[in-house]
C-alpha cells in the first residue's frame, strides 16, 4: 500500500505506460522478507495479463514458498541463464533474452541481488536500468534495509550490516514507490509457520532480525521512504505544471577523505541529496603527498574504493589539487553555490585542534550560507576532520 492507504492498481501503471514513450518503473518496498512483495508483483502480473498487457517474469525467487510459487501459474517466464562458477551451476536473469523478447512489462524480483561473476552487470538493479533503457517497463521489489543510504541506520537498529544494497538514485528513477506492509505480529506469525525461512532458522530469526523492535523500526523506515518519495514527486509535478514557484535547487557536497573509508559520509550525503531532490558532489583534495607515485598504496586503494562507491551512489566525484585542503574546499563551495556540506570528524583533543588546526572550523568561519553537518567517525572509519591532509598548515 502507499502512504494514503490505497494500493496502486494495474490500471494506474497501464495509464502511465500510455502517457509517453519512456519505460516505467514501479518499486515495491517492504520492511522485511515475508511481507508479500513478490506475491503482490505476481498478483499484479496476472491482472496485467487479463488487461492484454504483454508481461513476462524475468526472474522470481519463490524461496520455497508454495503460495508464491503457485502464484506464477501460467505467466510466461523467460528462461534463466545458467553460469558455471567455481564448479557450481548458478542461474541468473538472462537480460539479453528479456531484451530480445521485448515485452511491455517485466517482473524482476530481488532487486538488491549481486550477480555471479561473469554476468553483464555486477548488480541486478543495473540489469533493471538496462531493461528500462531498452524501453521495457519493470516492476521490482526490495526490502528497506537494502537501501544504501540507510545502511548505517539499519546496522545500528538491528545489529546487522547489510552487504547487498541499492543506491538511492535508483529509487529517484522510479515512477512509483509502493510500500507493502503487514503488522509486526502478522509477520512474526508467518515466520513461525515456516512461510519465510526453513524451520531450523525460525527461532534464530525471531530472536535476532525479526525481533519486534527491529521490525517496528524497519516498518517506520519503509513508511517514511514512501512518504518522502511521494512528496518529492508531487513537488516536482507542481513545479513542472507551474502550480508553485520553482525553488533554487540545493547543492550537497561531501568532503571525502583521500584515505580510509568514506562510506558513512557518502551514505549521509546520498540521503540528504535524495531528500532535497538535488545533485550532489563527492569532493576530495589531492595534496602533494597524495599525487600519483607518492600516495601510499593502501591509501590509493581506499581512495579508488571511495570513488567507485560515490559514483555508484550517484555522486559527481570532484578532485581538487591543493597544498591546503581547507582553501580548496572553501573555494569550491563558493564557486558552485554549495548549500549543504557533510564532513566527517573523529574525536580530537582541544590541544590537537589548536596545534594542527581544523578544516571544519575554517569552513564554518568563512562559508556562512551553507548548512554544515558533521558526522562522528570512529578511528577505524578512516575519514577524519583533516580529510586526508598530511601537512598541518590550514590557514
Protein backbone atom coordinates (compact mmCIF):
# COMPACT_ATOMS: atom_id res chain seq x y z
CA UNK A 1 0.00 0.00 0.00
CA UNK A 2 1.08 3.58 -0.43
CA UNK A 3 1.13 6.18 2.33
CA UNK A 4 -2.54 7.14 1.89
CA UNK A 5 -3.65 3.56 2.43
CA UNK A 6 -4.50 2.72 -1.19
CA UNK A 7 -2.61 0.19 -3.26
CA UNK A 8 -1.90 1.40 -6.81
CA UNK A 9 -3.86 -0.61 -9.34
CA UNK A 10 -2.53 -2.20 -12.53
CA UNK A 11 -4.72 0.33 -14.36
CA UNK A 12 -2.70 3.19 -12.83
CA UNK A 13 0.56 1.79 -14.19
CA UNK A 14 -1.12 0.97 -17.51
CA UNK A 15 -2.17 4.60 -17.74
CA UNK A 16 1.42 5.68 -17.11
CA UNK A 17 2.62 3.33 -19.84
CA UNK A 18 0.26 5.01 -22.27
CA UNK A 19 1.29 8.55 -21.28
CA UNK A 20 4.58 8.52 -23.13
CA UNK A 21 7.39 6.52 -24.62
CA UNK A 22 9.59 6.31 -21.52
CA UNK A 23 9.59 2.92 -19.81
CA UNK A 24 8.06 2.99 -16.34
CA UNK A 25 9.48 1.64 -13.10
CA UNK A 26 7.42 0.54 -10.11
CA UNK A 27 9.26 -0.50 -6.94
CA UNK A 28 7.64 -2.40 -4.10
CA UNK A 29 9.34 -1.79 -0.75
CA UNK A 30 8.84 -3.85 2.39
CA UNK A 31 10.12 -3.76 5.95
CA UNK A 32 11.46 -7.33 5.84
CA UNK A 33 11.32 -10.64 3.96
CA UNK A 34 7.86 -12.18 4.05
CA UNK A 35 5.66 -9.08 3.86
CA UNK A 36 4.37 -10.18 0.44
CA UNK A 37 6.25 -8.10 -2.14
CA UNK A 38 6.82 -10.96 -4.60
CA UNK A 39 3.27 -12.23 -4.15
CA UNK A 40 1.96 -8.73 -4.87
CA UNK A 41 4.05 -8.39 -8.02
CA UNK A 42 2.76 -11.71 -9.36
CA UNK A 43 -0.83 -10.82 -8.49
CA UNK A 44 -0.41 -7.59 -10.44
CA UNK A 45 1.15 -9.52 -13.33
CA UNK A 46 -1.97 -11.69 -13.67
CA UNK A 47 -4.18 -8.59 -13.68
CA UNK A 48 -1.99 -7.04 -16.36
CA UNK A 49 -2.26 -10.18 -18.43
CA UNK A 50 -6.05 -10.07 -18.21
CA UNK A 51 -5.88 -6.47 -19.47
CA UNK A 52 -3.99 -7.70 -22.53
CA UNK A 53 -0.61 -6.31 -21.47
CA UNK A 54 2.41 -8.22 -22.76
CA UNK A 55 4.10 -9.13 -19.47
CA UNK A 56 6.77 -11.69 -18.57
CA UNK A 57 8.51 -12.93 -15.45
CA UNK A 58 12.18 -12.13 -15.94
CA UNK A 59 13.21 -13.56 -12.56
CA UNK A 60 11.32 -14.54 -9.41
CA UNK A 61 12.75 -16.25 -6.34
CA UNK A 62 9.95 -18.17 -4.52
CA UNK A 63 12.31 -19.12 -1.63
CA UNK A 64 10.48 -22.47 -1.38
CA UNK A 65 7.23 -20.68 -0.54
CA UNK A 66 4.45 -22.73 -2.09
CA UNK A 67 1.93 -19.88 -2.24
CA UNK A 68 4.47 -17.70 -4.10
CA UNK A 69 5.40 -20.49 -6.49
CA UNK A 70 1.74 -21.16 -7.13
CA UNK A 71 1.16 -17.51 -8.00
CA UNK A 72 3.40 -17.80 -11.06
CA UNK A 73 0.75 -20.01 -12.66
CA UNK A 74 0.51 -19.54 -16.42
CA UNK A 75 2.63 -16.39 -16.58
CA UNK A 76 5.31 -16.50 -19.26
CA UNK A 77 8.77 -16.94 -17.70
CA UNK A 78 11.90 -16.05 -19.63
CA UNK A 79 14.37 -18.94 -19.09
CA UNK A 80 17.19 -18.09 -16.72
CA UNK A 81 20.82 -18.05 -17.81
CA UNK A 82 22.99 -20.84 -16.40
CA UNK A 83 26.52 -19.82 -15.42
CA UNK A 84 29.28 -22.09 -14.15
CA UNK A 85 31.08 -20.53 -11.20
CA UNK A 86 33.61 -22.34 -9.03
CA UNK A 87 32.26 -25.72 -10.00
CA UNK A 88 28.65 -24.79 -9.31
CA UNK A 89 25.91 -24.00 -11.82
CA UNK A 90 24.23 -20.71 -10.93
CA UNK A 91 21.07 -19.36 -12.54
CA UNK A 92 20.75 -15.66 -13.21
CA UNK A 93 18.29 -13.45 -15.05
CA UNK A 94 19.06 -13.57 -18.78
CA UNK A 95 18.95 -9.87 -19.54
CA UNK A 96 19.81 -10.39 -23.23
CA UNK A 97 16.92 -12.84 -23.61
CA UNK A 98 14.48 -10.46 -21.90
CA UNK A 99 15.53 -7.59 -24.16
CA UNK A 100 15.26 -9.84 -27.22
CA UNK A 101 11.77 -10.93 -26.13
CA UNK A 102 10.97 -7.23 -25.50
CA UNK A 103 7.73 -7.42 -23.50
CA UNK A 104 5.87 -4.33 -22.41
CA UNK A 105 6.48 -5.15 -18.73
CA UNK A 106 8.97 -7.42 -16.95
CA UNK A 107 8.77 -8.70 -13.38
CA UNK A 108 12.19 -8.61 -11.66
CA UNK A 109 12.47 -9.92 -8.11
CA UNK A 110 15.29 -9.47 -5.54
CA UNK A 111 16.44 -6.04 -6.74
CA UNK A 112 19.47 -5.91 -4.39
CA UNK A 113 20.84 -9.22 -5.69
CA UNK A 114 24.52 -9.37 -6.64
CA UNK A 115 25.07 -11.20 -9.92
CA UNK A 116 27.56 -14.01 -10.21
CA UNK A 117 30.94 -13.00 -11.72
CA UNK A 118 30.77 -13.29 -15.49
CA UNK A 119 27.39 -11.56 -15.73
CA UNK A 120 26.98 -8.41 -17.81
CA UNK A 121 26.39 -6.26 -14.72
CA UNK A 122 27.56 -6.63 -11.14
CA UNK A 123 24.17 -5.83 -9.61
CA UNK A 124 20.61 -6.68 -10.59
CA UNK A 125 19.44 -3.08 -10.27
CA UNK A 126 21.87 -2.32 -13.12
CA UNK A 127 20.14 -5.04 -15.16
CA UNK A 128 16.84 -3.27 -14.47
CA UNK A 129 18.27 0.03 -15.71
CA UNK A 130 19.32 -1.75 -18.92
CA UNK A 131 15.77 -3.05 -19.36
CA UNK A 132 14.38 0.46 -18.87
CA UNK A 133 16.87 1.86 -21.38
CA UNK A 134 15.66 -0.79 -23.83
CA UNK A 135 12.10 0.50 -23.44
CA UNK A 136 10.82 -2.29 -21.17
CA UNK A 137 8.83 -1.24 -18.11
CA UNK A 138 9.74 -3.03 -14.89
CA UNK A 139 8.00 -3.99 -11.66
CA UNK A 140 10.52 -4.92 -8.99
CA UNK A 141 10.84 -5.37 -5.22
CA UNK A 142 13.32 -4.70 -2.44
CA UNK A 143 13.43 -4.59 1.36
CA UNK A 144 14.06 -1.23 3.01
CA UNK A 145 17.25 -2.45 4.69
CA UNK A 146 18.88 -2.75 1.26
CA UNK A 147 18.68 0.99 0.57
CA UNK A 148 22.30 2.15 0.64
CA UNK A 149 21.85 5.43 2.50
CA UNK A 150 20.10 3.57 5.34
CA UNK A 151 22.91 1.05 5.76
CA UNK A 152 24.33 2.65 8.91
CA UNK A 153 20.87 3.24 10.41
CA UNK A 154 19.87 -0.38 9.84
CA UNK A 155 23.14 -1.58 11.34
CA UNK A 156 22.58 0.49 14.49
CA UNK A 157 18.96 -0.62 14.75
CA UNK A 158 19.26 -4.33 14.05
CA UNK A 159 22.93 -5.11 14.61
CA UNK A 160 23.09 -6.46 11.05
CA UNK A 161 25.35 -4.96 8.40
CA UNK A 162 23.55 -5.48 5.09
CA UNK A 163 26.00 -6.30 2.30
CA UNK A 164 23.75 -6.16 -0.75
CA UNK A 165 22.45 -2.64 -1.35
CA UNK A 166 20.74 -0.45 -3.93
CA UNK A 167 21.77 3.21 -4.37
CA UNK A 168 19.17 5.87 -3.60
CA UNK A 169 19.33 7.32 -7.10
CA UNK A 170 17.68 4.15 -8.39
CA UNK A 171 14.55 4.94 -6.38
CA UNK A 172 14.61 8.50 -7.69
CA UNK A 173 14.27 6.97 -11.18
CA UNK A 174 11.12 5.11 -10.09
CA UNK A 175 7.74 6.36 -11.27
CA UNK A 176 6.07 4.71 -8.28
CA UNK A 177 7.43 3.50 -4.94
CA UNK A 178 4.87 1.42 -3.08
CA UNK A 179 5.04 0.15 0.49
CA UNK A 180 3.88 -3.44 1.02
CA UNK A 181 3.05 -3.63 4.70
CA UNK A 182 1.79 -6.10 7.27
CA UNK A 183 1.74 -5.82 11.06
CA UNK A 184 4.69 -6.96 13.15
CA UNK A 185 2.63 -9.77 14.68
CA UNK A 186 1.45 -10.97 11.26
CA UNK A 187 5.00 -11.09 10.01
CA UNK A 188 6.25 -12.98 13.06
CA UNK A 189 3.34 -15.41 12.72
CA UNK A 190 4.26 -16.07 9.09
CA UNK A 191 7.80 -16.74 10.26
CA UNK A 192 6.63 -19.23 12.93
CA UNK A 193 4.52 -21.01 10.31
CA UNK A 194 7.58 -21.59 8.15
CA UNK A 195 6.38 -19.28 5.37
CA UNK A 196 9.56 -17.20 5.32
CA UNK A 197 12.54 -19.36 6.35
CA UNK A 198 13.25 -23.04 6.89
CA UNK A 199 12.09 -24.42 10.23
CA UNK A 200 15.66 -24.69 11.52
CA UNK A 201 16.12 -20.92 11.14
CA UNK A 202 12.87 -19.77 12.74
CA UNK A 203 13.92 -19.38 16.38
CA UNK A 204 17.21 -17.70 15.45
CA UNK A 205 15.35 -15.23 13.22
CA UNK A 206 12.70 -14.48 15.88
CA UNK A 207 15.40 -13.68 18.41
CA UNK A 208 17.55 -11.63 16.06
CA UNK A 209 16.48 -9.75 12.94
CA UNK A 210 12.75 -10.43 13.45
CA UNK A 211 12.59 -9.00 16.98
CA UNK A 212 9.55 -6.77 17.47
CA UNK A 213 11.65 -3.65 17.99
CA UNK A 214 13.61 -4.25 14.79
CA UNK A 215 10.51 -4.84 12.69
CA UNK A 216 8.75 -1.77 14.09
CA UNK A 217 11.76 0.40 13.23
CA UNK A 218 12.03 -1.06 9.73
CA UNK A 219 8.30 -0.52 9.12
CA UNK A 220 8.73 3.12 10.10
CA UNK A 221 11.67 3.49 7.72
CA UNK A 222 9.59 1.99 4.89
CA UNK A 223 6.68 4.33 5.52
CA UNK A 224 8.97 7.35 5.71
CA UNK A 225 10.72 6.40 2.48
CA UNK A 226 7.46 6.10 0.55
CA UNK A 227 6.12 9.33 2.04
CA UNK A 228 9.32 11.18 1.12
CA UNK A 229 9.24 9.77 -2.39
CA UNK A 230 5.64 10.81 -2.95
CA UNK A 231 6.21 14.28 -1.52
CA UNK A 232 9.23 14.77 -3.80
CA UNK A 233 7.33 13.61 -6.89
CA UNK A 234 4.30 15.76 -6.02
CA UNK A 235 6.54 18.80 -5.56
CA UNK A 236 8.24 18.15 -8.90
CA UNK A 237 4.90 17.79 -10.65
CA UNK A 238 3.61 21.09 -9.21
CA UNK A 239 6.75 22.87 -10.36
CA UNK A 240 6.52 21.41 -13.88
CA UNK A 241 2.86 22.38 -14.15
CA UNK A 242 3.51 25.89 -12.85
CA UNK A 243 1.36 25.31 -9.78
CA UNK A 244 4.06 26.63 -7.48
CA UNK A 245 7.22 28.64 -7.89
CA UNK A 246 10.37 26.65 -8.51
CA UNK A 247 12.90 26.90 -5.72
CA UNK A 248 16.64 27.18 -6.09
CA UNK A 249 17.92 23.59 -6.03
CA UNK A 250 20.03 22.51 -3.10
CA UNK A 251 23.62 21.52 -3.78
CA UNK A 252 25.20 18.95 -1.48
CA UNK A 253 28.93 18.37 -1.04
CA UNK A 254 30.58 15.52 0.85
CA UNK A 255 34.16 16.31 1.87
CA UNK A 256 35.63 12.89 1.19
CA UNK A 257 38.92 11.72 2.60
CA UNK A 258 41.79 10.66 0.37
CA UNK A 259 42.41 7.82 2.81
CA UNK A 260 40.36 5.33 4.76
CA UNK A 261 36.71 4.50 4.18
CA UNK A 262 34.30 7.35 3.41
CA UNK A 263 31.22 5.14 3.09
CA UNK A 264 29.45 6.52 6.16
CA UNK A 265 29.84 10.10 4.90
CA UNK A 266 28.74 9.18 1.39
CA UNK A 267 25.63 7.42 2.65
CA UNK A 268 24.75 10.55 4.62
CA UNK A 269 25.28 12.74 1.56
CA UNK A 270 23.19 10.42 -0.59
CA UNK A 271 20.36 10.52 1.93
CA UNK A 272 20.40 14.34 2.11
CA UNK A 273 20.58 14.68 -1.67
CA UNK A 274 17.66 12.30 -2.06
CA UNK A 275 15.55 14.18 0.48
CA UNK A 276 16.30 17.53 -1.17
CA UNK A 277 15.97 16.11 -4.71
CA UNK A 278 19.31 17.58 -5.71
CA UNK A 279 22.53 16.65 -7.41
CA UNK A 280 25.49 16.20 -5.14
CA UNK A 281 29.28 16.13 -5.14
CA UNK A 282 31.84 13.89 -3.51
CA UNK A 283 34.94 16.09 -3.25
CA UNK A 284 38.47 15.14 -2.25
CA UNK A 285 41.63 17.19 -2.23
CA UNK A 286 44.84 15.76 -3.64
CA UNK A 287 47.78 17.17 -1.68
CA UNK A 288 51.39 16.88 -2.93
CA UNK A 289 51.93 13.80 -0.77
CA UNK A 290 48.96 12.11 -2.44
CA UNK A 291 49.96 12.67 -6.05
CA UNK A 292 50.38 9.59 -8.28
CA UNK A 293 53.65 7.90 -7.43
CA UNK A 294 53.76 9.42 -3.93
CA UNK A 295 50.49 8.29 -2.39
CA UNK A 296 50.74 5.18 -0.22
CA UNK A 297 49.38 2.03 -1.93
CA UNK A 298 46.90 1.41 0.90
CA UNK A 299 45.60 4.99 0.70
CA UNK A 300 45.37 4.79 -3.09
CA UNK A 301 43.32 1.59 -2.89
CA UNK A 302 40.99 3.17 -0.30
CA UNK A 303 40.60 6.29 -2.44
CA UNK A 304 39.66 4.27 -5.52
CA UNK A 305 37.13 2.32 -3.48
CA UNK A 306 35.63 5.57 -2.17
CA UNK A 307 35.41 7.00 -5.69
CA UNK A 308 33.71 3.87 -7.00
CA UNK A 309 31.26 3.85 -4.10
CA UNK A 310 30.45 7.55 -4.57
CA UNK A 311 29.78 7.05 -8.28
CA UNK A 312 27.59 4.05 -7.51
CA UNK A 313 25.50 6.23 -5.19
CA UNK A 314 25.09 8.80 -7.96
CA UNK A 315 27.55 11.45 -6.81
CA UNK A 316 29.65 13.60 -9.11
CA UNK A 317 33.22 12.94 -7.96
CA UNK A 318 35.46 16.02 -7.99
CA UNK A 319 39.22 16.01 -7.48
CA UNK A 320 40.82 19.24 -6.31
CA UNK A 321 44.58 19.77 -6.17
CA UNK A 322 45.99 21.97 -3.44
CA UNK A 323 48.55 22.12 -0.66
CA UNK A 324 45.85 23.48 1.63
CA UNK A 325 42.72 21.37 1.86
CA UNK A 326 40.57 23.95 3.64
CA UNK A 327 41.23 26.61 0.98
CA UNK A 328 40.34 24.21 -1.83
CA UNK A 329 37.07 23.11 -0.21
CA UNK A 330 36.06 26.67 0.63
CA UNK A 331 36.77 27.90 -2.91
CA UNK A 332 34.82 25.00 -4.45
CA UNK A 333 31.82 25.55 -2.15
CA UNK A 334 31.68 29.24 -3.01
CA UNK A 335 32.18 28.68 -6.73
CA UNK A 336 29.48 26.02 -7.03
CA UNK A 337 27.00 27.60 -4.63
CA UNK A 338 27.04 24.63 -2.26
CA UNK A 339 24.17 24.79 0.25
CA UNK A 340 24.78 21.66 2.36
CA UNK A 341 28.16 20.19 3.37
CA UNK A 342 28.94 16.87 5.05
CA UNK A 343 32.20 16.47 6.97
CA UNK A 344 33.49 13.53 8.97
CA UNK A 345 35.27 14.02 12.29
CA UNK A 346 36.98 11.69 14.71
CA UNK A 347 37.48 12.58 18.36
CA UNK A 348 40.33 15.06 18.71
CA UNK A 349 41.70 16.83 21.73
CA UNK A 350 41.48 20.61 22.05
CA UNK A 351 45.31 20.72 22.04
CA UNK A 352 45.42 18.78 18.76
CA UNK A 353 42.97 21.20 17.17
CA UNK A 354 44.91 24.24 18.41
CA UNK A 355 48.19 22.76 17.17
CA UNK A 356 47.09 21.37 13.82
CA UNK A 357 44.01 23.43 13.01
CA UNK A 358 40.57 22.30 11.90
CA UNK A 359 39.19 22.30 8.38
CA UNK A 360 35.66 22.30 9.75
CA UNK A 361 36.30 25.38 11.91
CA UNK A 362 37.85 27.20 8.95
CA UNK A 363 34.91 26.28 6.75
CA UNK A 364 32.33 27.42 9.31
CA UNK A 365 34.15 30.72 9.74
CA UNK A 366 34.33 31.53 6.03
CA UNK A 367 31.27 29.91 4.40
CA UNK A 368 28.23 31.37 6.15
CA UNK A 369 25.47 30.47 3.67
CA UNK A 370 25.83 26.67 3.76
CA UNK A 371 24.47 24.16 6.26
CA UNK A 372 27.29 22.04 7.68
CA UNK A 373 26.65 18.56 9.02
CA UNK A 374 29.42 16.81 10.96
CA UNK A 375 29.24 13.02 11.06
CA UNK A 376 31.05 11.44 14.04
CA UNK A 377 33.50 8.76 12.94
CA UNK A 378 35.38 6.08 14.74
CA UNK A 379 39.14 5.93 14.20
CA UNK A 380 38.77 2.85 12.02
CA UNK A 381 36.27 4.66 9.77
CA UNK A 382 39.29 6.37 8.30
CA UNK A 383 37.82 9.70 7.24
CA UNK A 384 38.77 12.30 9.82
CA UNK A 385 38.44 16.05 10.17
CA UNK A 386 41.74 16.52 8.36
CA UNK A 387 40.18 14.95 5.26
CA UNK A 388 43.34 13.22 4.17
CA UNK A 389 45.67 16.11 4.97
CA UNK A 390 49.30 15.44 5.87
CA UNK A 391 50.59 18.95 6.44
CA UNK A 392 49.25 20.94 9.40
CA UNK A 393 49.13 24.46 7.94
CA UNK A 394 45.42 25.06 7.33
CA UNK A 395 45.44 28.84 7.44
